[in-house]
Amino acid sequence: MVGVITLTTIGYGDVYQVTVAGKIIGAGVAILGIAVYAIPSMATAFTEELRKKRSQNNKCPHCGKEIPDLSS
């Protein structure tokens, strides 16, 4: 339980679970808290990066100038 609390950076002080069931529930709630807050923000960041890459398909990644289409 101490490992889960450390990894989730909750770090509570003098209040802690004593029973095995309480420790399991506490660990589950801590991990669920990460899922509720961190995963959506990570998904938003990934989506934004993909959108940027798709909009810069025909631009030079270094200077941003248009690259002419030479395939035709």
N, C-alpha and C. Protein backbone atom coordinates (compact mmCIF):
# COMPACT_ATOMS: atom_id res chain seq x y z
N MET A 1 0.82 -1.19 0.00
CA MET A 1 0.00 0.00 0.00
C MET A 1 0.86 1.25 0.00
N VAL A 2 1.94 1.23 0.73
CA VAL A 2 2.81 2.40 0.79
C VAL A 2 3.38 2.71 -0.59
N GLY A 3 3.68 1.66 -1.36
CA GLY A 3 4.19 1.86 -2.72
C GLY A 3 3.18 2.54 -3.62
N VAL A 4 1.92 2.13 -3.54
CA VAL A 4 0.88 2.73 -4.36
C VAL A 4 0.69 4.19 -3.97
N ILE A 5 0.68 4.48 -2.68
CA ILE A 5 0.49 5.85 -2.23
C ILE A 5 1.67 6.71 -2.68
N THR A 6 2.86 6.17 -2.65
CA THR A 6 4.04 6.91 -3.11
C THR A 6 3.97 7.16 -4.61
N LEU A 7 3.63 6.14 -5.40
CA LEU A 7 3.56 6.28 -6.85
C LEU A 7 2.46 7.23 -7.29
N THR A 8 1.36 7.27 -6.58
CA THR A 8 0.27 8.16 -6.95
C THR A 8 0.44 9.55 -6.35
N THR A 9 1.49 9.77 -5.60
CA THR A 9 1.86 11.04 -4.95
C THR A 9 0.76 11.60 -4.06
N ILE A 10 0.01 10.73 -3.41
CA ILE A 10 -0.99 11.18 -2.46
C ILE A 10 -0.29 11.61 -1.17
N GLY A 11 0.52 10.72 -0.63
CA GLY A 11 1.35 11.03 0.52
C GLY A 11 0.60 11.49 1.75
N TYR A 12 -0.43 10.75 2.16
CA TYR A 12 -1.15 11.16 3.36
C TYR A 12 -0.29 10.93 4.59
N GLY A 13 -0.58 11.62 5.65
CA GLY A 13 0.27 11.58 6.83
C GLY A 13 -0.21 10.63 7.90
N ASP A 14 -0.97 11.12 8.87
CA ASP A 14 -1.31 10.33 10.04
C ASP A 14 -2.57 9.49 9.86
N VAL A 15 -3.29 9.63 8.75
CA VAL A 15 -4.50 8.86 8.52
C VAL A 15 -4.19 7.82 7.45
N TYR A 16 -4.37 6.55 7.78
CA TYR A 16 -4.08 5.48 6.83
C TYR A 16 -4.95 4.27 7.13
N GLN A 17 -5.06 3.39 6.13
CA GLN A 17 -5.89 2.20 6.29
C GLN A 17 -5.16 1.17 7.15
N VAL A 18 -5.97 0.45 7.93
CA VAL A 18 -5.41 -0.56 8.82
C VAL A 18 -5.72 -1.96 8.31
N THR A 19 -6.93 -2.18 7.84
CA THR A 19 -7.34 -3.50 7.39
C THR A 19 -6.86 -3.76 5.97
N VAL A 20 -6.80 -5.04 5.62
CA VAL A 20 -6.39 -5.44 4.27
C VAL A 20 -7.40 -4.92 3.24
N ALA A 21 -8.70 -5.04 3.55
CA ALA A 21 -9.73 -4.56 2.63
C ALA A 21 -9.61 -3.04 2.44
N GLY A 22 -9.35 -2.32 3.49
CA GLY A 22 -9.17 -0.88 3.39
C GLY A 22 -7.98 -0.50 2.54
N LYS A 23 -6.89 -1.25 2.67
CA LYS A 23 -5.70 -0.99 1.87
C LYS A 23 -5.96 -1.25 0.39
N ILE A 24 -6.68 -2.33 0.09
CA ILE A 24 -7.00 -2.65 -1.30
C ILE A 24 -7.92 -1.59 -1.89
N ILE A 25 -8.94 -1.20 -1.16
CA ILE A 25 -9.86 -0.16 -1.65
C ILE A 25 -9.12 1.16 -1.81
N GLY A 26 -8.27 1.50 -0.86
CA GLY A 26 -7.50 2.74 -0.95
C GLY A 26 -6.58 2.75 -2.16
N ALA A 27 -5.94 1.62 -2.44
CA ALA A 27 -5.06 1.53 -3.62
C ALA A 27 -5.88 1.66 -4.90
N GLY A 28 -7.03 1.04 -4.93
CA GLY A 28 -7.90 1.13 -6.11
C GLY A 28 -8.38 2.55 -6.36
N VAL A 29 -8.76 3.23 -5.31
CA VAL A 29 -9.22 4.62 -5.45
C VAL A 29 -8.08 5.52 -5.90
N ALA A 30 -6.88 5.29 -5.39
CA ALA A 30 -5.73 6.10 -5.79
C ALA A 30 -5.42 5.91 -7.28
N ILE A 31 -5.43 4.67 -7.74
CA ILE A 31 -5.15 4.39 -9.15
C ILE A 31 -6.28 4.91 -10.03
N LEU A 32 -7.52 4.78 -9.59
CA LEU A 32 -8.66 5.31 -10.34
C LEU A 32 -8.56 6.84 -10.44
N GLY A 33 -8.07 7.48 -9.41
CA GLY A 33 -7.88 8.93 -9.45
C GLY A 33 -6.91 9.35 -10.53
N ILE A 34 -5.85 8.60 -10.72
CA ILE A 34 -4.91 8.88 -11.81
C ILE A 34 -5.61 8.72 -13.15
N ALA A 35 -6.38 7.67 -13.29
CA ALA A 35 -7.07 7.42 -14.56
C ALA A 35 -8.06 8.53 -14.88
N VAL A 36 -8.74 9.04 -13.88
CA VAL A 36 -9.76 10.07 -14.11
C VAL A 36 -9.13 11.40 -14.49
N TYR A 37 -7.99 11.76 -13.93
CA TYR A 37 -7.41 13.08 -14.16
C TYR A 37 -6.28 13.09 -15.18
N ALA A 38 -5.43 12.10 -15.20
CA ALA A 38 -4.24 12.14 -16.05
C ALA A 38 -4.49 11.65 -17.46
N ILE A 39 -5.23 10.59 -17.62
CA ILE A 39 -5.41 10.00 -18.95
C ILE A 39 -6.12 10.95 -19.91
N PRO A 40 -7.20 11.64 -19.53
CA PRO A 40 -7.80 12.58 -20.49
C PRO A 40 -6.86 13.70 -20.92
N SER A 41 -6.05 14.22 -20.02
CA SER A 41 -5.14 15.30 -20.41
C SER A 41 -4.04 14.77 -21.33
N MET A 42 -3.59 13.55 -21.11
CA MET A 42 -2.61 12.95 -22.01
C MET A 42 -3.22 12.71 -23.39
N ALA A 43 -4.46 12.25 -23.43
CA ALA A 43 -5.12 12.01 -24.70
C ALA A 43 -5.28 13.32 -25.47
N THR A 44 -5.59 14.40 -24.79
CA THR A 44 -5.72 15.70 -25.43
C THR A 44 -4.38 16.14 -26.02
N ALA A 45 -3.31 15.94 -25.30
CA ALA A 45 -1.98 16.32 -25.80
C ALA A 45 -1.60 15.52 -27.03
N PHE A 46 -1.87 14.21 -27.02
CA PHE A 46 -1.57 13.38 -28.17
C PHE A 46 -2.40 13.79 -29.38
N THR A 47 -3.68 14.07 -29.17
CA THR A 47 -4.55 14.49 -30.25
C THR A 47 -4.08 15.80 -30.86
N GLU A 48 -3.66 16.73 -30.03
CA GLU A 48 -3.17 18.01 -30.52
C GLU A 48 -1.92 17.85 -31.36
N GLU A 49 -1.01 16.99 -30.93
CA GLU A 49 0.21 16.75 -31.70
C GLU A 49 -0.11 16.10 -33.05
N LEU A 50 -1.04 15.16 -33.08
CA LEU A 50 -1.44 14.55 -34.34
C LEU A 50 -2.06 15.58 -35.27
N ARG A 51 -2.88 16.47 -34.75
CA ARG A 51 -3.50 17.51 -35.56
C ARG A 51 -2.43 18.44 -36.15
N LYS A 52 -1.41 18.76 -35.38
CA LYS A 52 -0.33 19.61 -35.87
C LYS A 52 0.42 18.93 -37.01
N LYS A 53 0.72 17.65 -36.83
CA LYS A 53 1.47 16.92 -37.87
C LYS A 53 0.66 16.80 -39.15
N ARG A 54 -0.63 16.58 -39.04
CA ARG A 54 -1.47 16.46 -40.23
C ARG A 54 -1.59 17.78 -40.97
N SER A 55 -1.61 18.89 -40.26
CA SER A 55 -1.74 20.19 -40.91
C SER A 55 -0.44 20.64 -41.55
N GLN A 56 0.68 20.05 -41.16
CA GLN A 56 1.98 20.43 -41.71
C GLN A 56 2.51 19.37 -42.67
N ASN A 57 1.62 18.66 -43.35
CA ASN A 57 2.05 17.59 -44.25
C ASN A 57 2.95 18.09 -45.37
N ASN A 58 2.63 19.21 -46.00
CA ASN A 58 3.41 19.69 -47.13
C ASN A 58 4.25 20.91 -46.76
N LYS A 59 4.64 21.02 -45.51
CA LYS A 59 5.50 22.10 -45.07
C LYS A 59 6.83 21.54 -44.58
N CYS A 60 7.87 22.30 -44.78
CA CYS A 60 9.19 21.91 -44.29
C CYS A 60 9.17 21.92 -42.76
N PRO A 61 9.62 20.84 -42.10
CA PRO A 61 9.59 20.81 -40.64
C PRO A 61 10.57 21.79 -39.99
N HIS A 62 11.54 22.29 -40.78
CA HIS A 62 12.55 23.18 -40.22
C HIS A 62 12.19 24.65 -40.37
N CYS A 63 11.74 25.04 -41.58
CA CYS A 63 11.49 26.46 -41.82
C CYS A 63 10.00 26.78 -41.99
N GLY A 64 9.17 25.77 -42.26
CA GLY A 64 7.74 25.98 -42.39
C GLY A 64 7.29 26.41 -43.77
N LYS A 65 8.20 26.48 -44.74
CA LYS A 65 7.83 26.87 -46.10
C LYS A 65 7.10 25.72 -46.79
N GLU A 66 6.22 26.10 -47.73
CA GLU A 66 5.48 25.11 -48.51
C GLU A 66 6.44 24.31 -49.38
N ILE A 67 6.26 23.01 -49.44
CA ILE A 67 7.05 22.13 -50.30
C ILE A 67 6.18 21.82 -51.52
N PRO A 68 6.67 22.12 -52.72
CA PRO A 68 5.85 21.88 -53.90
C PRO A 68 5.63 20.38 -54.13
N ASP A 69 4.47 20.03 -54.64
CA ASP A 69 4.13 18.63 -54.92
C ASP A 69 4.76 18.25 -56.25
N LEU A 70 5.75 17.37 -56.24
CA LEU A 70 6.47 16.97 -57.45
C LEU A 70 6.00 15.63 -57.99
N SER A 71 4.94 15.10 -57.43
CA SER A 71 4.48 13.77 -57.84
C SER A 71 3.74 13.79 -59.18
N SER A 72 3.26 14.94 -59.65
CA SER A 72 2.50 14.96 -60.89
C SER A 72 3.34 15.27 -62.09
